[in-house]
């Protein structure tokens, strides 16, 4: 899986849709993620600090998988 910046991700997603336009499918999934391990999250919560959540966006056409991470606050603009 390739983790891309948001703009290259959108460009690659567009080309995936174009390749699969006549035959095939593209699956897009969204998941809330903190991108930290469980131990790091527990340590932050015990100190009273909040965990910053991000939105992990993944897309695949069955052959190639791409992903990006978008700040939760900027997700609506994405």
PDB file of N, CA and C in Angstrom:
ATOM      1  N   UNK A   1       0.852  -1.165   0.000  1.00  0.00           N
ATOM      2  CA  UNK A   1       0.000   0.000   0.000  1.00  0.00           C
ATOM      3  C   UNK A   1       0.899   1.229   0.000  1.00  0.00           C
ATOM      4  N   UNK A   2       0.565   2.192  -0.824  1.00  0.00           N
ATOM      5  CA  UNK A   2       1.344   3.403  -0.970  1.00  0.00           C
ATOM      6  C   UNK A   2       0.615   4.539  -0.264  1.00  0.00           C
ATOM      7  N   UNK A   3       1.285   5.209   0.690  1.00  0.00           N
ATOM      8  CA  UNK A   3       0.702   6.349   1.391  1.00  0.00           C
ATOM      9  C   UNK A   3       1.121   7.618   0.661  1.00  0.00           C
ATOM     10  N   UNK A   4       0.155   8.304   0.064  1.00  0.00           N
ATOM     11  CA  UNK A   4       0.409   9.498  -0.736  1.00  0.00           C
ATOM     12  C   UNK A   4      -0.097  10.744  -0.031  1.00  0.00           C
ATOM     13  N   UNK A   5       0.364  11.892  -0.490  1.00  0.00           N
ATOM     14  CA  UNK A   5      -0.206  13.164  -0.056  1.00  0.00           C
ATOM     15  C   UNK A   5      -1.587  13.288  -0.696  1.00  0.00           C
ATOM     16  N   UNK A   6      -2.481  14.147  -0.155  1.00  0.00           N
ATOM     17  CA  UNK A   6      -3.861  14.208  -0.676  1.00  0.00           C
ATOM     18  C   UNK A   6      -3.985  14.544  -2.164  1.00  0.00           C
ATOM     19  N   UNK A   7      -3.211  15.507  -2.676  1.00  0.00           N
ATOM     20  CA  UNK A   7      -3.351  15.881  -4.090  1.00  0.00           C
ATOM     21  C   UNK A   7      -2.907  14.768  -5.047  1.00  0.00           C
ATOM     22  N   UNK A   8      -1.729  14.155  -4.847  1.00  0.00           N
ATOM     23  CA  UNK A   8      -1.375  13.018  -5.710  1.00  0.00           C
ATOM     24  C   UNK A   8      -2.342  11.843  -5.566  1.00  0.00           C
ATOM     25  N   UNK A   9      -2.910  11.664  -4.370  1.00  0.00           N
ATOM     26  CA  UNK A   9      -3.894  10.598  -4.164  1.00  0.00           C
ATOM     27  C   UNK A   9      -5.103  10.824  -5.056  1.00  0.00           C
ATOM     28  N   UNK A  10      -5.603  12.059  -5.095  1.00  0.00           N
ATOM     29  CA  UNK A  10      -6.771  12.355  -5.929  1.00  0.00           C
ATOM     30  C   UNK A  10      -6.460  12.162  -7.407  1.00  0.00           C
ATOM     31  N   UNK A  11      -5.252  12.521  -7.831  1.00  0.00           N
ATOM     32  CA  UNK A  11      -4.850  12.313  -9.228  1.00  0.00           C
ATOM     33  C   UNK A  11      -4.800  10.825  -9.564  1.00  0.00           C
ATOM     34  N   UNK A  12      -4.222  10.040  -8.673  1.00  0.00           N
ATOM     35  CA  UNK A  12      -4.133   8.598  -8.902  1.00  0.00           C
ATOM     36  C   UNK A  12      -5.510   7.944  -8.848  1.00  0.00           C
ATOM     37  N   UNK A  13      -6.388   8.437  -7.971  1.00  0.00           N
ATOM     38  CA  UNK A  13      -7.751   7.915  -7.886  1.00  0.00           C
ATOM     39  C   UNK A  13      -8.508   8.196  -9.180  1.00  0.00           C
ATOM     40  N   UNK A  14      -8.307   9.375  -9.747  1.00  0.00           N
ATOM     41  CA  UNK A  14      -8.934   9.715 -11.024  1.00  0.00           C
ATOM     42  C   UNK A  14      -8.462   8.769 -12.126  1.00  0.00           C
ATOM     43  N   UNK A  15      -7.163   8.502 -12.167  1.00  0.00           N
ATOM     44  CA  UNK A  15      -6.658   7.589 -13.203  1.00  0.00           C
ATOM     45  C   UNK A  15      -7.160   6.157 -12.973  1.00  0.00           C
ATOM     46  N   UNK A  16      -7.354   5.768 -11.705  1.00  0.00           N
ATOM     47  CA  UNK A  16      -7.938   4.447 -11.414  1.00  0.00           C
ATOM     48  C   UNK A  16      -9.352   4.352 -11.961  1.00  0.00           C
ATOM     49  N   UNK A  17     -10.150   5.402 -11.722  1.00  0.00           N
ATOM     50  CA  UNK A  17     -11.523   5.420 -12.236  1.00  0.00           C
ATOM     51  C   UNK A  17     -11.537   5.363 -13.762  1.00  0.00           C
ATOM     52  N   UNK A  18     -10.608   6.072 -14.415  1.00  0.00           N
ATOM     53  CA  UNK A  18     -10.558   6.070 -15.877  1.00  0.00           C
ATOM     54  C   UNK A  18     -10.175   4.691 -16.414  1.00  0.00           C
ATOM     55  N   UNK A  19      -9.246   4.000 -15.739  1.00  0.00           N
ATOM     56  CA  UNK A  19      -8.842   2.657 -16.185  1.00  0.00           C
ATOM     57  C   UNK A  19      -9.977   1.652 -16.038  1.00  0.00           C
ATOM     58  N   UNK A  20     -10.804   1.833 -15.027  1.00  0.00           N
ATOM     59  CA  UNK A  20     -11.883   0.871 -14.743  1.00  0.00           C
ATOM     60  C   UNK A  20     -13.238   1.343 -15.251  1.00  0.00           C
ATOM     61  N   UNK A  21     -13.249   2.321 -16.130  1.00  0.00           N
ATOM     62  CA  UNK A  21     -14.512   2.914 -16.569  1.00  0.00           C
ATOM     63  C   UNK A  21     -15.377   1.908 -17.328  1.00  0.00           C
ATOM     64  N   UNK A  22     -14.796   1.155 -18.249  1.00  0.00           N
ATOM     65  CA  UNK A  22     -15.586   0.218 -19.044  1.00  0.00           C
ATOM     66  C   UNK A  22     -15.758  -1.135 -18.358  1.00  0.00           C
ATOM     67  N   UNK A  23     -14.731  -1.567 -17.638  1.00  0.00           N
ATOM     68  CA  UNK A  23     -14.813  -2.870 -16.989  1.00  0.00           C
ATOM     69  C   UNK A  23     -14.005  -2.819 -15.699  1.00  0.00           C
ATOM     70  N   UNK A  24     -14.623  -3.237 -14.608  1.00  0.00           N
ATOM     71  CA  UNK A  24     -13.916  -3.268 -13.333  1.00  0.00           C
ATOM     72  C   UNK A  24     -14.571  -2.378 -12.294  1.00  0.00           C
ATOM     73  N   UNK A  25     -14.003  -2.400 -11.105  1.00  0.00           N
ATOM     74  CA  UNK A  25     -14.543  -1.631  -9.986  1.00  0.00           C
ATOM     75  C   UNK A  25     -13.412  -0.965  -9.223  1.00  0.00           C
ATOM     76  N   UNK A  26     -13.747   0.102  -8.529  1.00  0.00           N
ATOM     77  CA  UNK A  26     -12.821   0.781  -7.630  1.00  0.00           C
ATOM     78  C   UNK A  26     -13.512   0.869  -6.278  1.00  0.00           C
ATOM     79  N   UNK A  27     -12.830   0.409  -5.233  1.00  0.00           N
ATOM     80  CA  UNK A  27     -13.380   0.472  -3.883  1.00  0.00           C
ATOM     81  C   UNK A  27     -12.655   1.561  -3.108  1.00  0.00           C
ATOM     82  N   UNK A  28     -13.423   2.425  -2.459  1.00  0.00           N
ATOM     83  CA  UNK A  28     -12.874   3.494  -1.627  1.00  0.00           C
ATOM     84  C   UNK A  28     -13.385   3.278  -0.210  1.00  0.00           C
ATOM     85  N   UNK A  29     -12.465   3.265   0.760  1.00  0.00           N
ATOM     86  CA  UNK A  29     -12.851   3.085   2.158  1.00  0.00           C
ATOM     87  C   UNK A  29     -12.293   4.227   2.990  1.00  0.00           C
ATOM     88  N   UNK A  30     -13.027   4.578   4.036  1.00  0.00           N
ATOM     89  CA  UNK A  30     -12.632   5.637   4.963  1.00  0.00           C
ATOM     90  C   UNK A  30     -12.581   5.049   6.365  1.00  0.00           C
ATOM     91  N   UNK A  31     -11.588   5.463   7.137  1.00  0.00           N
ATOM     92  CA  UNK A  31     -11.453   4.940   8.491  1.00  0.00           C
ATOM     93  C   UNK A  31     -10.845   6.012   9.388  1.00  0.00           C
ATOM     94  N   UNK A  32     -11.406   6.161  10.577  1.00  0.00           N
ATOM     95  CA  UNK A  32     -10.834   7.087  11.552  1.00  0.00           C
ATOM     96  C   UNK A  32      -9.612   6.427  12.172  1.00  0.00           C
ATOM     97  N   UNK A  33      -8.520   7.163  12.225  1.00  0.00           N
ATOM     98  CA  UNK A  33      -7.276   6.597  12.722  1.00  0.00           C
ATOM     99  C   UNK A  33      -6.477   7.675  13.433  1.00  0.00           C
ATOM    100  N   UNK A  34      -5.713   7.266  14.427  1.00  0.00           N
ATOM    101  CA  UNK A  34      -4.830   8.213  15.108  1.00  0.00           C
ATOM    102  C   UNK A  34      -3.394   8.062  14.622  1.00  0.00           C
ATOM    103  N   UNK A  35      -3.111   7.033  13.844  1.00  0.00           N
ATOM    104  CA  UNK A  35      -1.787   6.721  13.301  1.00  0.00           C
ATOM    105  C   UNK A  35      -0.751   6.518  14.397  1.00  0.00           C
ATOM    106  N   UNK A  36      -1.190   6.203  15.592  1.00  0.00           N
ATOM    107  CA  UNK A  36      -0.284   5.916  16.696  1.00  0.00           C
ATOM    108  C   UNK A  36      -0.596   4.522  17.225  1.00  0.00           C
ATOM    109  N   UNK A  37       0.386   3.923  17.855  1.00  0.00           N
ATOM    110  CA  UNK A  37       0.160   2.599  18.428  1.00  0.00           C
ATOM    111  C   UNK A  37      -0.717   2.719  19.672  1.00  0.00           C
ATOM    112  N   UNK A  38      -1.260   1.623  20.107  1.00  0.00           N
ATOM    113  CA  UNK A  38      -2.147   1.620  21.269  1.00  0.00           C
ATOM    114  C   UNK A  38      -1.406   2.076  22.525  1.00  0.00           C
ATOM    115  N   UNK A  39      -0.134   1.702  22.678  1.00  0.00           N
ATOM    116  CA  UNK A  39       0.650   2.108  23.846  1.00  0.00           C
ATOM    117  C   UNK A  39       0.852   3.621  23.864  1.00  0.00           C
ATOM    118  N   UNK A  40       1.127   4.214  22.695  1.00  0.00           N
ATOM    119  CA  UNK A  40       1.307   5.663  22.624  1.00  0.00           C
ATOM    120  C   UNK A  40       0.006   6.386  22.934  1.00  0.00           C
ATOM    121  N   UNK A  41      -1.136   5.854  22.462  1.00  0.00           N
ATOM    122  CA  UNK A  41      -2.432   6.476  22.749  1.00  0.00           C
ATOM    123  C   UNK A  41      -2.727   6.445  24.241  1.00  0.00           C
ATOM    124  N   UNK A  42      -2.466   5.313  24.890  1.00  0.00           N
ATOM    125  CA  UNK A  42      -2.712   5.200  26.325  1.00  0.00           C
ATOM    126  C   UNK A  42      -1.835   6.161  27.114  1.00  0.00           C
ATOM    127  N   UNK A  43      -0.598   6.347  26.681  1.00  0.00           N
ATOM    128  CA  UNK A  43       0.310   7.261  27.359  1.00  0.00           C
ATOM    129  C   UNK A  43      -0.191   8.702  27.228  1.00  0.00           C
ATOM    130  N   UNK A  44      -0.662   9.085  26.041  1.00  0.00           N
ATOM    131  CA  UNK A  44      -1.189  10.436  25.839  1.00  0.00           C
ATOM    132  C   UNK A  44      -2.442  10.675  26.671  1.00  0.00           C
ATOM    133  N   UNK A  45      -3.323   9.690  26.722  1.00  0.00           N
ATOM    134  CA  UNK A  45      -4.568   9.843  27.473  1.00  0.00           C
ATOM    135  C   UNK A  45      -4.304   9.934  28.967  1.00  0.00           C
ATOM    136  N   UNK A  46      -3.296   9.213  29.470  1.00  0.00           N
ATOM    137  CA  UNK A  46      -2.997   9.259  30.897  1.00  0.00           C
ATOM    138  C   UNK A  46      -2.396  10.607  31.290  1.00  0.00           C
ATOM    139  N   UNK A  47      -1.707  11.265  30.363  1.00  0.00           N
ATOM    140  CA  UNK A  47      -1.151  12.590  30.635  1.00  0.00           C
ATOM    141  C   UNK A  47      -2.201  13.680  30.506  1.00  0.00           C
ATOM    142  N   UNK A  48      -3.351  13.343  29.989  1.00  0.00           N
ATOM    143  CA  UNK A  48      -4.415  14.330  29.836  1.00  0.00           C
ATOM    144  C   UNK A  48      -4.444  14.970  28.464  1.00  0.00           C
ATOM    145  N   UNK A  49      -3.519  14.607  27.609  1.00  0.00           N
ATOM    146  CA  UNK A  49      -3.500  15.154  26.253  1.00  0.00           C
ATOM    147  C   UNK A  49      -4.492  14.431  25.368  1.00  0.00           C
ATOM    148  N   UNK A  50      -5.053  15.154  24.440  1.00  0.00           N
ATOM    149  CA  UNK A  50      -6.001  14.535  23.525  1.00  0.00           C
ATOM    150  C   UNK A  50      -5.298  13.864  22.367  1.00  0.00           C
ATOM    151  N   UNK A  51      -5.938  12.905  21.811  1.00  0.00           N
ATOM    152  CA  UNK A  51      -5.405  12.194  20.651  1.00  0.00           C
ATOM    153  C   UNK A  51      -5.960  12.860  19.404  1.00  0.00           C
ATOM    154  N   UNK A  52      -5.075  13.227  18.479  1.00  0.00           N
ATOM    155  CA  UNK A  52      -5.510  13.850  17.227  1.00  0.00           C
ATOM    156  C   UNK A  52      -5.861  12.748  16.233  1.00  0.00           C
ATOM    157  N   UNK A  53      -7.108  12.740  15.823  1.00  0.00           N
ATOM    158  CA  UNK A  53      -7.555  11.718  14.878  1.00  0.00           C
ATOM    159  C   UNK A  53      -7.439  12.233  13.456  1.00  0.00           C
ATOM    160  N   UNK A  54      -7.152  11.319  12.548  1.00  0.00           N
ATOM    161  CA  UNK A  54      -7.059  11.610  11.132  1.00  0.00           C
ATOM    162  C   UNK A  54      -7.985  10.649  10.410  1.00  0.00           C
ATOM    163  N   UNK A  55      -8.247  10.936   9.164  1.00  0.00           N
ATOM    164  CA  UNK A  55      -9.081  10.060   8.360  1.00  0.00           C
ATOM    165  C   UNK A  55      -8.168   9.355   7.352  1.00  0.00           C
ATOM    166  N   UNK A  56      -8.135   8.048   7.424  1.00  0.00           N
ATOM    167  CA  UNK A  56      -7.351   7.246   6.503  1.00  0.00           C
ATOM    168  C   UNK A  56      -8.255   6.874   5.332  1.00  0.00           C
ATOM    169  N   UNK A  57      -7.879   7.313   4.130  1.00  0.00           N
ATOM    170  CA  UNK A  57      -8.669   7.062   2.923  1.00  0.00           C
ATOM    171  C   UNK A  57      -7.887   6.074   2.068  1.00  0.00           C
ATOM    172  N   UNK A  58      -8.524   4.960   1.730  1.00  0.00           N
ATOM    173  CA  UNK A  58      -7.874   3.933   0.918  1.00  0.00           C
ATOM    174  C   UNK A  58      -8.705   3.657  -0.324  1.00  0.00           C
ATOM    175  N   UNK A  59      -8.014   3.351  -1.418  1.00  0.00           N
ATOM    176  CA  UNK A  59      -8.693   3.008  -2.669  1.00  0.00           C
ATOM    177  C   UNK A  59      -7.937   1.865  -3.335  1.00  0.00           C
ATOM    178  N   UNK A  60      -8.696   0.957  -3.941  1.00  0.00           N
ATOM    179  CA  UNK A  60      -8.084  -0.154  -4.659  1.00  0.00           C
ATOM    180  C   UNK A  60      -8.956  -0.532  -5.852  1.00  0.00           C
ATOM    181  N   UNK A  61      -8.297  -1.014  -6.888  1.00  0.00           N
ATOM    182  CA  UNK A  61      -9.019  -1.543  -8.042  1.00  0.00           C
ATOM    183  C   UNK A  61      -8.829  -3.054  -8.141  1.00  0.00           C
ATOM    184  N   UNK A  62      -8.304  -3.650  -7.100  1.00  0.00           N
ATOM    185  CA  UNK A  62      -8.041  -5.077  -7.078  1.00  0.00           C
ATOM    186  C   UNK A  62      -6.605  -5.410  -7.414  1.00  0.00           C
ATOM    187  N   UNK A  63      -5.934  -4.524  -8.137  1.00  0.00           N
ATOM    188  CA  UNK A  63      -4.541  -4.741  -8.512  1.00  0.00           C
ATOM    189  C   UNK A  63      -3.609  -3.783  -7.784  1.00  0.00           C
ATOM    190  N   UNK A  64      -4.054  -2.563  -7.608  1.00  0.00           N
ATOM    191  CA  UNK A  64      -3.224  -1.525  -7.003  1.00  0.00           C
ATOM    192  C   UNK A  64      -3.986  -0.894  -5.849  1.00  0.00           C
ATOM    193  N   UNK A  65      -3.283  -0.627  -4.745  1.00  0.00           N
ATOM    194  CA  UNK A  65      -3.896  -0.007  -3.577  1.00  0.00           C
ATOM    195  C   UNK A  65      -3.146   1.277  -3.250  1.00  0.00           C
ATOM    196  N   UNK A  66      -3.893   2.361  -3.045  1.00  0.00           N
ATOM    197  CA  UNK A  66      -3.304   3.635  -2.651  1.00  0.00           C
ATOM    198  C   UNK A  66      -4.024   4.125  -1.405  1.00  0.00           C
ATOM    199  N   UNK A  67      -3.366   4.995  -0.656  1.00  0.00           N
ATOM    200  CA  UNK A  67      -3.995   5.537   0.543  1.00  0.00           C
ATOM    201  C   UNK A  67      -3.422   6.912   0.844  1.00  0.00           C
ATOM    202  N   UNK A  68      -4.168   7.668   1.646  1.00  0.00           N
ATOM    203  CA  UNK A  68      -3.727   8.966   2.126  1.00  0.00           C
ATOM    204  C   UNK A  68      -4.310   9.185   3.507  1.00  0.00           C
ATOM    205  N   UNK A  69      -3.741  10.121   4.216  1.00  0.00           N
ATOM    206  CA  UNK A  69      -4.215  10.469   5.544  1.00  0.00           C
ATOM    207  C   UNK A  69      -4.582  11.947   5.533  1.00  0.00           C
ATOM    208  N   UNK A  70      -5.817  12.248   5.944  1.00  0.00           N
ATOM    209  CA  UNK A  70      -6.323  13.618   5.918  1.00  0.00           C
ATOM    210  C   UNK A  70      -6.666  14.026   7.343  1.00  0.00           C
ATOM    211  N   UNK A  71      -6.280  15.235   7.724  1.00  0.00           N
ATOM    212  CA  UNK A  71      -6.622  15.760   9.046  1.00  0.00           C
ATOM    213  C   UNK A  71      -8.142  15.767   9.200  1.00  0.00           C
ATOM    214  N   UNK A  72      -8.608  15.357  10.377  1.00  0.00           N
ATOM    215  CA  UNK A  72     -10.047  15.221  10.609  1.00  0.00           C
ATOM    216  C   UNK A  72     -10.777  16.548  10.387  1.00  0.00           C
ATOM    217  N   UNK A  73     -10.146  17.663  10.734  1.00  0.00           N
ATOM    218  CA  UNK A  73     -10.783  18.970  10.567  1.00  0.00           C
ATOM    219  C   UNK A  73     -10.885  19.375   9.100  1.00  0.00           C
ATOM    220  N   UNK A  74      -9.945  18.918   8.274  1.00  0.00           N
ATOM    221  CA  UNK A  74      -9.935  19.270   6.852  1.00  0.00           C
ATOM    222  C   UNK A  74     -10.637  18.230   5.984  1.00  0.00           C
ATOM    223  N   UNK A  75     -11.191  17.202   6.608  1.00  0.00           N
ATOM    224  CA  UNK A  75     -11.806  16.116   5.850  1.00  0.00           C
ATOM    225  C   UNK A  75     -12.975  16.592   5.003  1.00  0.00           C
ATOM    226  N   UNK A  76     -13.763  17.539   5.503  1.00  0.00           N
ATOM    227  CA  UNK A  76     -14.921  18.024   4.747  1.00  0.00           C
ATOM    228  C   UNK A  76     -14.504  18.695   3.443  1.00  0.00           C
ATOM    229  N   UNK A  77     -13.336  19.331   3.422  1.00  0.00           N
ATOM    230  CA  UNK A  77     -12.856  19.981   2.204  1.00  0.00           C
ATOM    231  C   UNK A  77     -12.273  18.977   1.225  1.00  0.00           C
ATOM    232  N   UNK A  78     -11.847  17.840   1.726  1.00  0.00           N
ATOM    233  CA  UNK A  78     -11.240  16.817   0.890  1.00  0.00           C
ATOM    234  C   UNK A  78     -12.292  16.185   0.009  1.00  0.00           C
TER     235      UNK A  78
END
